[in-house]
Structures are given as C-alpha cells and as structure tokens.
Amino acid sequence: MKRKTDISQIRFKYKKKPLSIKESDSNPFKQFSKWLNEAIKNKIFESTAMTLSTVNKINKVSSRIVLLKGIENNSFVFYTNINSRKSKELKNNKNVAAVFWWPQIGKQIRIEGYVKLVDKKRADYYFSTRSRKSQIGAWASNQSSILKDRKTLLKRFEIIKKRFVNKDVLRPKFWSGYEIKPFLIEFWQGRENRLHDRIVYKKINQKRWKKYRLNP
C-alpha cells in the first residue's frame, strides 16, 4: 500500500546569496524591475503573474491571479473587465494587496497600495496591442457572471467575431485597466535555515521611500 505523503514535512532548502539592504536600489521600482528581469531571464512561467487581493462590502477578502502589463507613473498596471467581481470590489474599496512569487529563484515581492483607473487613451492603446481573438474574447465574456455552459460562451464569441468582420475590434466600455499605487513594497529572498531576508520600502511622501529590514 502506498504511503500517504505527509505535507507537513515538505520543505525546500534555499541556498541563495544574501539580499543586502545597502546594495538594494533606493528606488523600489528599479529594484522590482531588476528582480522581474531576473525572473524573465530564468524563463519562469508567467513571470508577470501576480496574486491580487481585494475586499468586498462586508470585508471578505478574495484573491486571483492577474498579469502585470506595465510599470508606469510609479505604479503597477493590469487590465480587466470593469464589471467583474474584482472591479466591483475595487469600486467599493480601493485598497489592494498583490504578491509575485518566483520559486525557481527563491524570490517574492509583496505590494500594498490603492488603485485608480487608467485613462481611456492608455486603455485604448493597450487593447489595440492584444491579439484579435483576445479582443473578441473580451467582448464575449460577461466576466464573473454565471455561465450556463461553455457552448453559450463559444456561441457568443462567434457572434462577436462576425460583428467585427473586416473591422477593427474597438475596446468595450466595460473593459479597462487599473494602476496600483503602492505605499509599501516588500522584497523577500529565501535563505538557509528559514532565516530569510526581508527588505521593506515604505512610502514617506510623494518622492521619498524609507527602506528597512524585517525579521523573517
């Protein structure tokens, strides 16, 4: 009989170089870009994927994976259907938390901040860069609403596809993007014996960040 795996004993030994607070960039966005580029260089699957957590009207938290699509205006940008559950929760409470996790390089970045919608021109431009099928998919999906079956979705996709034959697929009004304006960014580096390195950047004012180390 095969023995059941004891998940409490699953451990990974981190053997990474130290994360020095002196060598960390004074600008957290530059430090973020440095780590993101390392993740991309190491060909980590979906290296731009981040867990986004939002809060509803009765203070219940929900999380999901979204893709980072830009680092602009000292903010992290993602796009979505603004009728989705996440967007409804963001309309009620603009505070968010986000996490990037790259296990292959033993790094994690945690972000706390608030959101604001991107302007229409930026949303239009990004939407125009998406593949045509993804553009049609955005029109076809009533994101987060109950779906009877997949056939219904595919049928709607084909209807939208025919509507835009020989035409540009314009961005639907219910689809846009958000900027996460962070007030705290934490960089976590896995180390041996669970003595991990944690460096936090906390926003002091519009231009200044305070940098300090945390216990693991």
N, C-alpha and C. Protein backbone atom coordinates (compact mmCIF):
# COMPACT_ATOMS: atom_id res chain seq x y z
N MET A 1 0.84 -1.20 0.00
CA MET A 1 0.00 0.00 0.00
C MET A 1 0.88 1.25 0.00
N LYS A 2 0.58 2.17 -0.88
CA LYS A 2 1.37 3.39 -0.98
C LYS A 2 1.14 4.29 0.22
N ARG A 3 2.26 4.74 0.80
CA ARG A 3 2.16 5.60 1.97
C ARG A 3 1.70 7.01 1.59
N LYS A 4 0.85 7.56 2.41
CA LYS A 4 0.34 8.90 2.18
C LYS A 4 1.43 9.93 2.46
N THR A 5 1.56 10.93 1.59
CA THR A 5 2.57 11.97 1.77
C THR A 5 2.19 12.87 2.93
N ASP A 6 3.15 13.07 3.82
CA ASP A 6 2.95 13.98 4.96
C ASP A 6 3.36 15.37 4.50
N ILE A 7 2.37 16.20 4.14
CA ILE A 7 2.71 17.51 3.58
C ILE A 7 3.39 18.42 4.60
N SER A 8 3.25 18.12 5.90
CA SER A 8 3.91 18.95 6.91
C SER A 8 5.42 18.82 6.85
N GLN A 9 5.91 17.77 6.19
CA GLN A 9 7.35 17.53 6.11
C GLN A 9 7.96 17.95 4.77
N ILE A 10 7.13 18.55 3.91
CA ILE A 10 7.66 19.04 2.63
C ILE A 10 8.39 20.36 2.87
N ARG A 11 9.66 20.36 2.56
CA ARG A 11 10.48 21.57 2.75
C ARG A 11 11.42 21.76 1.58
N PHE A 12 11.79 23.00 1.36
CA PHE A 12 12.76 23.31 0.32
C PHE A 12 13.91 24.07 0.97
N LYS A 13 15.13 23.70 0.65
CA LYS A 13 16.30 24.37 1.21
C LYS A 13 16.75 25.48 0.27
N TYR A 14 16.68 26.70 0.75
CA TYR A 14 17.11 27.85 -0.04
C TYR A 14 18.61 28.06 0.12
N LYS A 15 19.28 28.18 -0.99
CA LYS A 15 20.72 28.46 -0.98
C LYS A 15 20.97 29.61 -1.94
N LYS A 16 20.58 30.78 -1.51
CA LYS A 16 20.70 31.97 -2.33
C LYS A 16 21.64 32.97 -1.67
N LYS A 17 22.18 33.85 -2.50
CA LYS A 17 23.07 34.88 -1.96
C LYS A 17 22.27 35.86 -1.12
N PRO A 18 22.92 36.55 -0.18
CA PRO A 18 22.23 37.49 0.71
C PRO A 18 21.58 38.64 -0.06
N LEU A 19 20.49 39.16 0.50
CA LEU A 19 19.86 40.36 -0.02
C LEU A 19 20.33 41.51 0.85
N SER A 20 21.23 42.31 0.34
CA SER A 20 21.84 43.39 1.09
C SER A 20 21.00 44.65 1.01
N ILE A 21 20.73 45.26 2.14
CA ILE A 21 19.95 46.50 2.15
C ILE A 21 20.75 47.64 1.53
N LYS A 22 22.08 47.59 1.68
CA LYS A 22 22.94 48.64 1.11
C LYS A 22 22.99 48.54 -0.41
N GLU A 23 22.99 47.30 -0.92
CA GLU A 23 23.08 47.11 -2.36
C GLU A 23 21.73 47.20 -3.06
N SER A 24 20.65 47.18 -2.30
CA SER A 24 19.31 47.32 -2.88
C SER A 24 19.13 48.76 -3.37
N ASP A 25 18.52 48.90 -4.52
CA ASP A 25 18.32 50.24 -5.09
C ASP A 25 17.47 51.11 -4.18
N SER A 26 17.77 52.39 -4.14
CA SER A 26 16.98 53.31 -3.30
C SER A 26 15.57 53.50 -3.85
N ASN A 27 15.39 53.18 -5.15
CA ASN A 27 14.08 53.28 -5.79
C ASN A 27 13.47 51.88 -5.87
N PRO A 28 12.35 51.63 -5.18
CA PRO A 28 11.77 50.27 -5.18
C PRO A 28 11.32 49.79 -6.55
N PHE A 29 10.95 50.71 -7.44
CA PHE A 29 10.52 50.30 -8.79
C PHE A 29 11.71 49.80 -9.61
N LYS A 30 12.87 50.41 -9.40
CA LYS A 30 14.08 49.92 -10.07
C LYS A 30 14.49 48.57 -9.51
N GLN A 31 14.34 48.40 -8.19
CA GLN A 31 14.64 47.10 -7.57
C GLN A 31 13.67 46.04 -8.08
N PHE A 32 12.40 46.41 -8.22
CA PHE A 32 11.39 45.49 -8.75
C PHE A 32 11.76 45.06 -10.16
N SER A 33 12.10 46.03 -11.01
CA SER A 33 12.45 45.72 -12.40
C SER A 33 13.66 44.80 -12.47
N LYS A 34 14.60 44.99 -11.58
CA LYS A 34 15.79 44.14 -11.53
C LYS A 34 15.40 42.69 -11.26
N TRP A 35 14.51 42.48 -10.28
CA TRP A 35 14.07 41.12 -9.94
C TRP A 35 13.18 40.54 -11.03
N LEU A 36 12.30 41.35 -11.61
CA LEU A 36 11.43 40.86 -12.67
C LEU A 36 12.27 40.41 -13.87
N ASN A 37 13.27 41.18 -14.22
CA ASN A 37 14.15 40.82 -15.33
C ASN A 37 14.89 39.51 -15.05
N GLU A 38 15.25 39.30 -13.78
CA GLU A 38 15.90 38.04 -13.40
C GLU A 38 14.94 36.88 -13.59
N ALA A 39 13.67 37.09 -13.21
CA ALA A 39 12.66 36.03 -13.37
C ALA A 39 12.45 35.72 -14.86
N ILE A 40 12.38 36.75 -15.68
CA ILE A 40 12.21 36.56 -17.13
C ILE A 40 13.42 35.85 -17.72
N LYS A 41 14.61 36.27 -17.30
CA LYS A 41 15.85 35.67 -17.80
C LYS A 41 15.91 34.18 -17.47
N ASN A 42 15.37 33.82 -16.30
CA ASN A 42 15.34 32.42 -15.88
C ASN A 42 14.16 31.65 -16.46
N LYS A 43 13.43 32.29 -17.36
CA LYS A 43 12.32 31.67 -18.09
C LYS A 43 11.26 31.08 -17.15
N ILE A 44 10.96 31.82 -16.09
CA ILE A 44 9.92 31.40 -15.16
C ILE A 44 8.57 31.56 -15.84
N PHE A 45 7.76 30.50 -15.81
CA PHE A 45 6.46 30.51 -16.46
C PHE A 45 5.58 31.61 -15.88
N GLU A 46 4.97 32.42 -16.75
CA GLU A 46 4.11 33.53 -16.34
C GLU A 46 4.79 34.40 -15.28
N SER A 47 5.96 34.87 -15.59
CA SER A 47 6.74 35.66 -14.62
C SER A 47 6.06 36.98 -14.24
N THR A 48 5.12 37.45 -15.07
CA THR A 48 4.41 38.69 -14.75
C THR A 48 3.11 38.45 -13.98
N ALA A 49 2.85 37.20 -13.61
CA ALA A 49 1.62 36.87 -12.87
C ALA A 49 1.72 37.32 -11.42
N MET A 50 0.67 37.95 -10.93
CA MET A 50 0.64 38.37 -9.53
C MET A 50 -0.71 38.01 -8.92
N THR A 51 -0.67 37.64 -7.65
CA THR A 51 -1.90 37.40 -6.91
C THR A 51 -2.44 38.74 -6.43
N LEU A 52 -3.66 39.05 -6.81
CA LEU A 52 -4.29 40.32 -6.43
C LEU A 52 -5.42 40.05 -5.44
N SER A 53 -5.37 40.72 -4.30
CA SER A 53 -6.39 40.54 -3.27
C SER A 53 -7.22 41.81 -3.12
N THR A 54 -8.55 41.63 -3.08
CA THR A 54 -9.48 42.74 -2.93
C THR A 54 -10.44 42.44 -1.78
N VAL A 55 -11.20 43.46 -1.37
CA VAL A 55 -12.11 43.34 -0.23
C VAL A 55 -13.50 43.79 -0.65
N ASN A 56 -14.53 43.02 -0.25
CA ASN A 56 -15.90 43.41 -0.61
C ASN A 56 -16.55 44.27 0.48
N LYS A 57 -17.85 44.53 0.32
CA LYS A 57 -18.56 45.44 1.23
C LYS A 57 -18.65 44.92 2.65
N ILE A 58 -18.57 43.59 2.83
CA ILE A 58 -18.65 43.04 4.19
C ILE A 58 -17.28 42.54 4.65
N ASN A 59 -16.24 43.14 4.08
CA ASN A 59 -14.85 42.91 4.48
C ASN A 59 -14.35 41.49 4.28
N LYS A 60 -14.91 40.79 3.31
CA LYS A 60 -14.39 39.47 2.95
C LYS A 60 -13.38 39.64 1.82
N VAL A 61 -12.26 38.94 1.96
CA VAL A 61 -11.17 39.06 1.01
C VAL A 61 -11.28 37.99 -0.08
N SER A 62 -10.98 38.37 -1.32
CA SER A 62 -10.88 37.38 -2.40
C SER A 62 -9.59 37.64 -3.16
N SER A 63 -9.02 36.57 -3.71
CA SER A 63 -7.75 36.68 -4.43
C SER A 63 -7.83 35.94 -5.75
N ARG A 64 -7.03 36.41 -6.70
CA ARG A 64 -6.95 35.76 -8.01
C ARG A 64 -5.64 36.19 -8.67
N ILE A 65 -5.26 35.47 -9.73
CA ILE A 65 -4.05 35.83 -10.46
C ILE A 65 -4.41 36.76 -11.61
N VAL A 66 -3.68 37.86 -11.71
CA VAL A 66 -3.79 38.75 -12.88
C VAL A 66 -2.38 38.96 -13.42
N LEU A 67 -2.28 39.51 -14.63
CA LEU A 67 -0.97 39.72 -15.24
C LEU A 67 -0.57 41.19 -15.21
N LEU A 68 0.64 41.43 -14.75
CA LEU A 68 1.19 42.78 -14.78
C LEU A 68 1.43 43.18 -16.24
N LYS A 69 0.95 44.36 -16.62
CA LYS A 69 1.10 44.80 -18.01
C LYS A 69 1.91 46.08 -18.15
N GLY A 70 2.42 46.58 -17.06
CA GLY A 70 3.26 47.76 -17.15
C GLY A 70 3.66 48.29 -15.80
N ILE A 71 4.79 48.99 -15.77
CA ILE A 71 5.23 49.73 -14.58
C ILE A 71 5.33 51.17 -15.05
N GLU A 72 4.30 51.95 -14.75
CA GLU A 72 4.17 53.31 -15.28
C GLU A 72 3.74 54.27 -14.18
N ASN A 73 4.25 55.49 -14.23
CA ASN A 73 3.85 56.54 -13.28
C ASN A 73 3.98 56.07 -11.83
N ASN A 74 5.07 55.33 -11.55
CA ASN A 74 5.28 54.79 -10.20
C ASN A 74 4.09 53.95 -9.75
N SER A 75 3.63 53.12 -10.65
CA SER A 75 2.50 52.25 -10.34
C SER A 75 2.62 50.95 -11.13
N PHE A 76 1.88 49.94 -10.69
CA PHE A 76 1.83 48.65 -11.37
C PHE A 76 0.47 48.54 -12.08
N VAL A 77 0.50 48.23 -13.38
CA VAL A 77 -0.71 48.31 -14.19
C VAL A 77 -1.21 46.92 -14.61
N PHE A 78 -2.52 46.70 -14.47
CA PHE A 78 -3.15 45.49 -15.00
C PHE A 78 -4.49 45.86 -15.63
N TYR A 79 -5.02 44.98 -16.47
CA TYR A 79 -6.27 45.25 -17.19
C TYR A 79 -7.30 44.16 -16.91
N THR A 80 -8.58 44.56 -17.00
CA THR A 80 -9.64 43.60 -16.69
C THR A 80 -11.00 44.14 -17.14
N ASN A 81 -12.01 43.31 -17.01
CA ASN A 81 -13.40 43.71 -17.23
C ASN A 81 -13.85 44.48 -15.99
N ILE A 82 -14.35 45.70 -16.17
CA ILE A 82 -14.70 46.51 -15.01
C ILE A 82 -16.08 46.18 -14.45
N ASN A 83 -16.72 45.14 -15.03
CA ASN A 83 -17.95 44.60 -14.43
C ASN A 83 -17.66 43.33 -13.64
N SER A 84 -16.40 42.93 -13.58
CA SER A 84 -16.02 41.70 -12.89
C SER A 84 -16.14 41.86 -11.37
N ARG A 85 -16.04 40.75 -10.68
CA ARG A 85 -16.12 40.79 -9.22
C ARG A 85 -15.02 41.66 -8.63
N LYS A 86 -13.80 41.48 -9.14
CA LYS A 86 -12.69 42.25 -8.59
C LYS A 86 -12.92 43.75 -8.75
N SER A 87 -13.44 44.14 -9.93
CA SER A 87 -13.67 45.56 -10.20
C SER A 87 -14.77 46.14 -9.31
N LYS A 88 -15.81 45.35 -9.08
CA LYS A 88 -16.88 45.80 -8.19
C LYS A 88 -16.35 45.99 -6.77
N GLU A 89 -15.46 45.09 -6.36
CA GLU A 89 -14.88 45.22 -5.02
C GLU A 89 -13.93 46.42 -4.96
N LEU A 90 -13.20 46.67 -6.06
CA LEU A 90 -12.30 47.82 -6.10
C LEU A 90 -13.06 49.13 -6.08
N LYS A 91 -14.25 49.14 -6.66
CA LYS A 91 -15.08 50.34 -6.63
C LYS A 91 -15.52 50.64 -5.20
N ASN A 92 -15.76 49.59 -4.43
CA ASN A 92 -16.19 49.74 -3.05
C ASN A 92 -15.01 50.05 -2.12
N ASN A 93 -13.86 49.43 -2.38
CA ASN A 93 -12.69 49.59 -1.52
C ASN A 93 -11.45 49.59 -2.41
N LYS A 94 -10.78 50.71 -2.51
CA LYS A 94 -9.66 50.86 -3.44
C LYS A 94 -8.35 50.27 -2.92
N ASN A 95 -8.35 49.77 -1.68
CA ASN A 95 -7.14 49.17 -1.12
C ASN A 95 -6.93 47.76 -1.66
N VAL A 96 -5.70 47.46 -2.04
CA VAL A 96 -5.37 46.14 -2.58
C VAL A 96 -4.04 45.65 -2.02
N ALA A 97 -3.83 44.34 -2.18
CA ALA A 97 -2.53 43.73 -1.91
C ALA A 97 -2.21 42.83 -3.09
N ALA A 98 -0.94 42.76 -3.44
CA ALA A 98 -0.52 41.92 -4.57
C ALA A 98 0.77 41.20 -4.21
N VAL A 99 0.96 40.00 -4.77
CA VAL A 99 2.15 39.21 -4.49
C VAL A 99 2.69 38.59 -5.78
N PHE A 100 3.99 38.72 -5.99
CA PHE A 100 4.70 37.99 -7.05
C PHE A 100 5.52 36.90 -6.36
N TRP A 101 5.48 35.69 -6.90
CA TRP A 101 6.22 34.56 -6.31
C TRP A 101 6.95 33.83 -7.42
N TRP A 102 8.27 33.80 -7.31
CA TRP A 102 9.12 33.15 -8.29
C TRP A 102 9.96 32.08 -7.58
N PRO A 103 9.41 30.89 -7.38
CA PRO A 103 10.08 29.85 -6.58
C PRO A 103 11.43 29.40 -7.15
N GLN A 104 11.55 29.41 -8.48
CA GLN A 104 12.80 28.93 -9.08
C GLN A 104 14.00 29.79 -8.70
N ILE A 105 13.77 31.05 -8.39
CA ILE A 105 14.87 31.92 -7.96
C ILE A 105 14.73 32.32 -6.49
N GLY A 106 13.74 31.73 -5.80
CA GLY A 106 13.58 31.95 -4.37
C GLY A 106 13.26 33.38 -3.98
N LYS A 107 12.43 34.05 -4.80
CA LYS A 107 12.12 35.45 -4.54
C LYS A 107 10.61 35.69 -4.51
N GLN A 108 10.23 36.63 -3.65
CA GLN A 108 8.83 37.05 -3.54
C GLN A 108 8.79 38.56 -3.37
N ILE A 109 7.80 39.19 -3.99
CA ILE A 109 7.59 40.62 -3.79
C ILE A 109 6.14 40.83 -3.36
N ARG A 110 5.98 41.55 -2.27
CA ARG A 110 4.64 41.82 -1.72
C ARG A 110 4.37 43.31 -1.82
N ILE A 111 3.16 43.66 -2.30
CA ILE A 111 2.81 45.06 -2.54
C ILE A 111 1.51 45.40 -1.80
N GLU A 112 1.47 46.56 -1.16
CA GLU A 112 0.25 47.10 -0.57
C GLU A 112 0.03 48.49 -1.15
N GLY A 113 -1.22 48.79 -1.53
CA GLY A 113 -1.49 50.10 -2.12
C GLY A 113 -2.96 50.30 -2.39
N TYR A 114 -3.26 51.25 -3.27
CA TYR A 114 -4.64 51.51 -3.67
C TYR A 114 -4.67 51.63 -5.18
N VAL A 115 -5.86 51.56 -5.76
CA VAL A 115 -5.97 51.58 -7.22
C VAL A 115 -6.70 52.81 -7.74
N LYS A 116 -6.43 53.10 -9.01
CA LYS A 116 -7.20 54.09 -9.76
C LYS A 116 -7.25 53.60 -11.20
N LEU A 117 -8.32 53.93 -11.90
CA LEU A 117 -8.46 53.52 -13.30
C LEU A 117 -7.44 54.26 -14.17
N VAL A 118 -6.93 53.57 -15.18
CA VAL A 118 -6.05 54.24 -16.15
C VAL A 118 -6.93 55.13 -17.04
N ASP A 119 -6.33 56.09 -17.72
CA ASP A 119 -7.12 56.94 -18.60
C ASP A 119 -7.53 56.17 -19.86
N LYS A 120 -8.52 56.67 -20.55
CA LYS A 120 -9.11 55.97 -21.70
C LYS A 120 -8.10 55.76 -22.83
N LYS A 121 -7.22 56.73 -23.05
CA LYS A 121 -6.24 56.60 -24.13
C LYS A 121 -5.28 55.44 -23.88
N ARG A 122 -4.85 55.28 -22.63
CA ARG A 122 -3.95 54.18 -22.29
C ARG A 122 -4.67 52.84 -22.43
N ALA A 123 -5.93 52.80 -22.00
CA ALA A 123 -6.70 51.56 -22.12
C ALA A 123 -6.92 51.21 -23.60
N ASP A 124 -7.23 52.23 -24.41
CA ASP A 124 -7.42 52.01 -25.84
C ASP A 124 -6.15 51.48 -26.48
N TYR A 125 -5.02 52.09 -26.13
CA TYR A 125 -3.75 51.68 -26.73
C TYR A 125 -3.43 50.23 -26.37
N TYR A 126 -3.52 49.90 -25.07
CA TYR A 126 -3.18 48.53 -24.70
C TYR A 126 -4.12 47.52 -25.37
N PHE A 127 -5.41 47.85 -25.40
CA PHE A 127 -6.37 46.93 -26.02
C PHE A 127 -6.02 46.70 -27.49
N SER A 128 -5.53 47.74 -28.17
CA SER A 128 -5.19 47.62 -29.59
C SER A 128 -3.99 46.70 -29.81
N THR A 129 -3.17 46.47 -28.77
CA THR A 129 -2.00 45.61 -28.91
C THR A 129 -2.32 44.14 -28.67
N ARG A 130 -3.50 43.85 -28.17
CA ARG A 130 -3.88 42.46 -27.90
C ARG A 130 -4.19 41.72 -29.20
N SER A 131 -4.12 40.40 -29.15
CA SER A 131 -4.48 39.62 -30.33
C SER A 131 -5.96 39.81 -30.63
N ARG A 132 -6.32 39.66 -31.88
CA ARG A 132 -7.72 39.86 -32.28
C ARG A 132 -8.66 38.92 -31.53
N LYS A 133 -8.25 37.68 -31.35
CA LYS A 133 -9.10 36.72 -30.64
C LYS A 133 -9.28 37.11 -29.17
N SER A 134 -8.22 37.66 -28.56
CA SER A 134 -8.34 38.13 -27.18
C SER A 134 -9.27 39.33 -27.10
N GLN A 135 -9.20 40.20 -28.10
CA GLN A 135 -10.10 41.35 -28.15
C GLN A 135 -11.56 40.90 -28.24
N ILE A 136 -11.80 39.93 -29.11
CA ILE A 136 -13.17 39.39 -29.27
C ILE A 136 -13.60 38.69 -27.98
N GLY A 137 -12.67 37.99 -27.36
CA GLY A 137 -12.96 37.31 -26.10
C GLY A 137 -13.39 38.28 -25.01
N ALA A 138 -12.79 39.46 -25.00
CA ALA A 138 -13.16 40.48 -24.01
C ALA A 138 -14.61 40.92 -24.20
N TRP A 139 -15.03 41.04 -25.45
CA TRP A 139 -16.43 41.40 -25.74
C TRP A 139 -17.37 40.25 -25.38
N ALA A 140 -16.95 39.02 -25.61
CA ALA A 140 -17.83 37.86 -25.45
C ALA A 140 -18.07 37.48 -23.99
N SER A 141 -17.12 37.80 -23.12
CA SER A 141 -17.22 37.34 -21.73
C SER A 141 -17.89 38.34 -20.81
N ASN A 142 -18.95 37.91 -20.16
CA ASN A 142 -19.56 38.68 -19.06
C ASN A 142 -18.87 38.23 -17.77
N GLN A 143 -17.64 38.68 -17.62
CA GLN A 143 -16.75 38.14 -16.59
C GLN A 143 -17.37 38.11 -15.20
N SER A 144 -17.22 36.96 -14.54
CA SER A 144 -17.67 36.70 -13.17
C SER A 144 -19.16 36.41 -13.05
N SER A 145 -19.94 36.57 -14.15
CA SER A 145 -21.36 36.23 -14.06
C SER A 145 -21.53 34.72 -14.32
N ILE A 146 -22.66 34.17 -13.89
CA ILE A 146 -22.91 32.74 -14.04
C ILE A 146 -23.05 32.38 -15.52
N LEU A 147 -22.39 31.30 -15.92
CA LEU A 147 -22.41 30.84 -17.31
C LEU A 147 -23.10 29.47 -17.37
N LYS A 148 -24.13 29.37 -18.19
CA LYS A 148 -24.89 28.13 -18.29
C LYS A 148 -24.01 26.97 -18.71
N ASP A 149 -23.24 27.16 -19.78
CA ASP A 149 -22.30 26.15 -20.26
C ASP A 149 -21.31 26.81 -21.21
N ARG A 150 -20.25 26.08 -21.55
CA ARG A 150 -19.20 26.65 -22.40
C ARG A 150 -19.70 26.92 -23.82
N LYS A 151 -20.66 26.11 -24.26
CA LYS A 151 -21.21 26.30 -25.61
C LYS A 151 -21.81 27.70 -25.76
N THR A 152 -22.44 28.19 -24.70
CA THR A 152 -23.03 29.53 -24.72
C THR A 152 -21.96 30.59 -24.94
N LEU A 153 -20.83 30.43 -24.26
CA LEU A 153 -19.73 31.37 -24.39
C LEU A 153 -19.15 31.33 -25.81
N LEU A 154 -18.93 30.13 -26.33
CA LEU A 154 -18.36 29.98 -27.67
C LEU A 154 -19.30 30.53 -28.75
N LYS A 155 -20.59 30.35 -28.54
CA LYS A 155 -21.57 30.88 -29.47
C LYS A 155 -21.52 32.41 -29.48
N ARG A 156 -21.40 32.99 -28.29
CA ARG A 156 -21.32 34.45 -28.18
C ARG A 156 -20.03 34.96 -28.84
N PHE A 157 -18.95 34.18 -28.69
CA PHE A 157 -17.68 34.53 -29.32
C PHE A 157 -17.84 34.61 -30.84
N GLU A 158 -18.52 33.64 -31.43
CA GLU A 158 -18.71 33.61 -32.88
C GLU A 158 -19.60 34.75 -33.36
N ILE A 159 -20.59 35.11 -32.56
CA ILE A 159 -21.47 36.24 -32.91
C ILE A 159 -20.67 37.54 -32.95
N ILE A 160 -19.83 37.75 -31.92
CA ILE A 160 -18.99 38.95 -31.86
C ILE A 160 -17.98 38.95 -33.00
N LYS A 161 -17.44 37.79 -33.29
CA LYS A 161 -16.45 37.65 -34.37
C LYS A 161 -17.05 38.11 -35.71
N LYS A 162 -18.28 37.72 -35.98
CA LYS A 162 -18.96 38.11 -37.22
C LYS A 162 -19.26 39.61 -37.23
N ARG A 163 -19.57 40.16 -36.06
CA ARG A 163 -19.89 41.58 -35.97
C ARG A 163 -18.72 42.45 -36.41
N PHE A 164 -17.50 41.96 -36.14
CA PHE A 164 -16.31 42.77 -36.44
C PHE A 164 -15.55 42.31 -37.68
N VAL A 165 -16.21 41.58 -38.55
CA VAL A 165 -15.56 41.15 -39.80
C VAL A 165 -15.11 42.39 -40.59
N ASN A 166 -13.83 42.39 -40.99
CA ASN A 166 -13.23 43.50 -41.76
C ASN A 166 -13.29 44.84 -41.02
N LYS A 167 -13.35 44.76 -39.68
CA LYS A 167 -13.35 45.98 -38.87
C LYS A 167 -12.35 45.82 -37.72
N ASP A 168 -11.85 46.95 -37.25
CA ASP A 168 -11.03 46.91 -36.03
C ASP A 168 -11.93 46.59 -34.85
N VAL A 169 -11.41 45.79 -33.92
CA VAL A 169 -12.17 45.49 -32.71
C VAL A 169 -11.85 46.57 -31.67
N LEU A 170 -12.79 47.45 -31.44
CA LEU A 170 -12.58 48.55 -30.51
C LEU A 170 -12.76 48.08 -29.07
N ARG A 171 -12.12 48.78 -28.15
CA ARG A 171 -12.22 48.42 -26.73
C ARG A 171 -13.65 48.64 -26.23
N PRO A 172 -14.24 47.62 -25.59
CA PRO A 172 -15.57 47.81 -24.99
C PRO A 172 -15.49 48.74 -23.78
N LYS A 173 -16.55 49.50 -23.56
CA LYS A 173 -16.55 50.45 -22.44
C LYS A 173 -16.41 49.76 -21.09
N PHE A 174 -16.78 48.46 -21.04
CA PHE A 174 -16.71 47.73 -19.76
C PHE A 174 -15.35 47.07 -19.54
N TRP A 175 -14.36 47.45 -20.29
CA TRP A 175 -13.01 46.85 -20.18
C TRP A 175 -11.99 47.98 -20.07
N SER A 176 -11.15 47.90 -19.04
CA SER A 176 -10.16 48.96 -18.84
C SER A 176 -9.02 48.44 -17.96
N GLY A 177 -8.24 49.37 -17.44
CA GLY A 177 -7.10 48.97 -16.62
C GLY A 177 -7.05 49.73 -15.30
N TYR A 178 -6.22 49.22 -14.40
CA TYR A 178 -6.03 49.85 -13.10
C TYR A 178 -4.54 50.08 -12.85
N GLU A 179 -4.25 51.15 -12.15
CA GLU A 179 -2.92 51.39 -11.63
C GLU A 179 -2.93 51.05 -10.14
N ILE A 180 -1.99 50.24 -9.70
CA ILE A 180 -1.80 50.05 -8.26
C ILE A 180 -0.76 51.07 -7.81
N LYS A 181 -1.17 51.98 -6.96
CA LYS A 181 -0.28 52.99 -6.40
C LYS A 181 0.21 52.47 -5.05
N PRO A 182 1.42 51.95 -4.98
CA PRO A 182 1.87 51.31 -3.73
C PRO A 182 2.32 52.30 -2.66
N PHE A 183 2.05 51.94 -1.42
CA PHE A 183 2.63 52.68 -0.31
C PHE A 183 3.58 51.79 0.49
N LEU A 184 3.64 50.50 0.12
CA LEU A 184 4.58 49.58 0.74
C LEU A 184 4.94 48.48 -0.25
N ILE A 185 6.24 48.20 -0.37
CA ILE A 185 6.71 47.11 -1.22
C ILE A 185 7.77 46.33 -0.44
N GLU A 186 7.55 45.01 -0.31
CA GLU A 186 8.50 44.16 0.42
C GLU A 186 9.17 43.17 -0.52
N PHE A 187 10.48 43.10 -0.42
CA PHE A 187 11.28 42.14 -1.20
C PHE A 187 11.76 41.03 -0.26
N TRP A 188 11.42 39.80 -0.63
CA TRP A 188 11.72 38.63 0.19
C TRP A 188 12.65 37.71 -0.57
N GLN A 189 13.77 37.35 0.07
CA GLN A 189 14.72 36.42 -0.54
C GLN A 189 14.86 35.21 0.37
N GLY A 190 14.57 34.02 -0.16
CA GLY A 190 14.70 32.80 0.64
C GLY A 190 16.15 32.53 1.00
N ARG A 191 16.37 32.15 2.28
CA ARG A 191 17.73 31.86 2.76
C ARG A 191 17.73 30.56 3.56
N GLU A 192 18.90 30.07 3.87
CA GLU A 192 19.03 28.82 4.62
C GLU A 192 18.47 28.96 6.04
N ASN A 193 18.02 27.81 6.59
CA ASN A 193 17.52 27.73 7.97
C ASN A 193 16.34 28.65 8.26
N ARG A 194 15.61 28.98 7.20
CA ARG A 194 14.44 29.85 7.32
C ARG A 194 14.80 31.25 7.84
N LEU A 195 16.06 31.63 7.72
CA LEU A 195 16.48 32.97 8.12
C LEU A 195 16.46 33.85 6.86
N HIS A 196 15.26 34.02 6.34
CA HIS A 196 15.08 34.72 5.08
C HIS A 196 15.39 36.21 5.20
N ASP A 197 15.78 36.80 4.07
CA ASP A 197 16.00 38.25 4.01
C ASP A 197 14.71 38.94 3.59
N ARG A 198 14.34 40.00 4.34
CA ARG A 198 13.15 40.78 4.02
C ARG A 198 13.49 42.26 4.09
N ILE A 199 13.34 42.94 2.98
CA ILE A 199 13.60 44.38 2.94
C ILE A 199 12.33 45.09 2.48
N VAL A 200 11.91 46.07 3.26
CA VAL A 200 10.67 46.80 3.01
C VAL A 200 10.97 48.24 2.60
N TYR A 201 10.21 48.70 1.61
CA TYR A 201 10.21 50.10 1.22
C TYR A 201 8.84 50.66 1.61
N LYS A 202 8.84 51.68 2.45
CA LYS A 202 7.58 52.31 2.87
C LYS A 202 7.57 53.76 2.40
N LYS A 203 6.48 54.15 1.76
CA LYS A 203 6.39 55.49 1.20
C LYS A 203 6.22 56.53 2.30
N ILE A 204 7.07 57.55 2.27
CA ILE A 204 7.03 58.62 3.27
C ILE A 204 6.26 59.82 2.73
N ASN A 205 6.54 60.18 1.49
CA ASN A 205 5.82 61.26 0.81
C ASN A 205 5.83 60.96 -0.68
N GLN A 206 5.49 61.94 -1.52
CA GLN A 206 5.38 61.70 -2.95
C GLN A 206 6.69 61.27 -3.60
N LYS A 207 7.82 61.64 -3.01
CA LYS A 207 9.12 61.36 -3.62
C LYS A 207 10.01 60.41 -2.81
N ARG A 208 9.76 60.31 -1.52
CA ARG A 208 10.68 59.58 -0.65
C ARG A 208 10.12 58.25 -0.18
N TRP A 209 11.03 57.26 -0.09
CA TRP A 209 10.73 55.95 0.46
C TRP A 209 11.70 55.65 1.59
N LYS A 210 11.18 55.07 2.66
CA LYS A 210 12.04 54.62 3.77
C LYS A 210 12.31 53.14 3.57
N LYS A 211 13.57 52.73 3.72
CA LYS A 211 13.96 51.33 3.49
C LYS A 211 14.45 50.73 4.80
N TYR A 212 13.95 49.54 5.16
CA TYR A 212 14.38 48.89 6.38
C TYR A 212 14.25 47.38 6.27
N ARG A 213 14.90 46.69 7.20
CA ARG A 213 14.90 45.22 7.20
C ARG A 213 13.91 44.69 8.25
N LEU A 214 13.27 43.55 7.93
CA LEU A 214 12.36 42.90 8.86
C LEU A 214 12.92 41.54 9.29
N ASN A 215 12.52 41.11 10.48
CA ASN A 215 12.81 39.73 10.89
C ASN A 215 12.08 38.77 9.97
N PRO A 216 12.66 37.59 9.70
CA PRO A 216 11.99 36.61 8.83
C PRO A 216 10.79 35.98 9.55
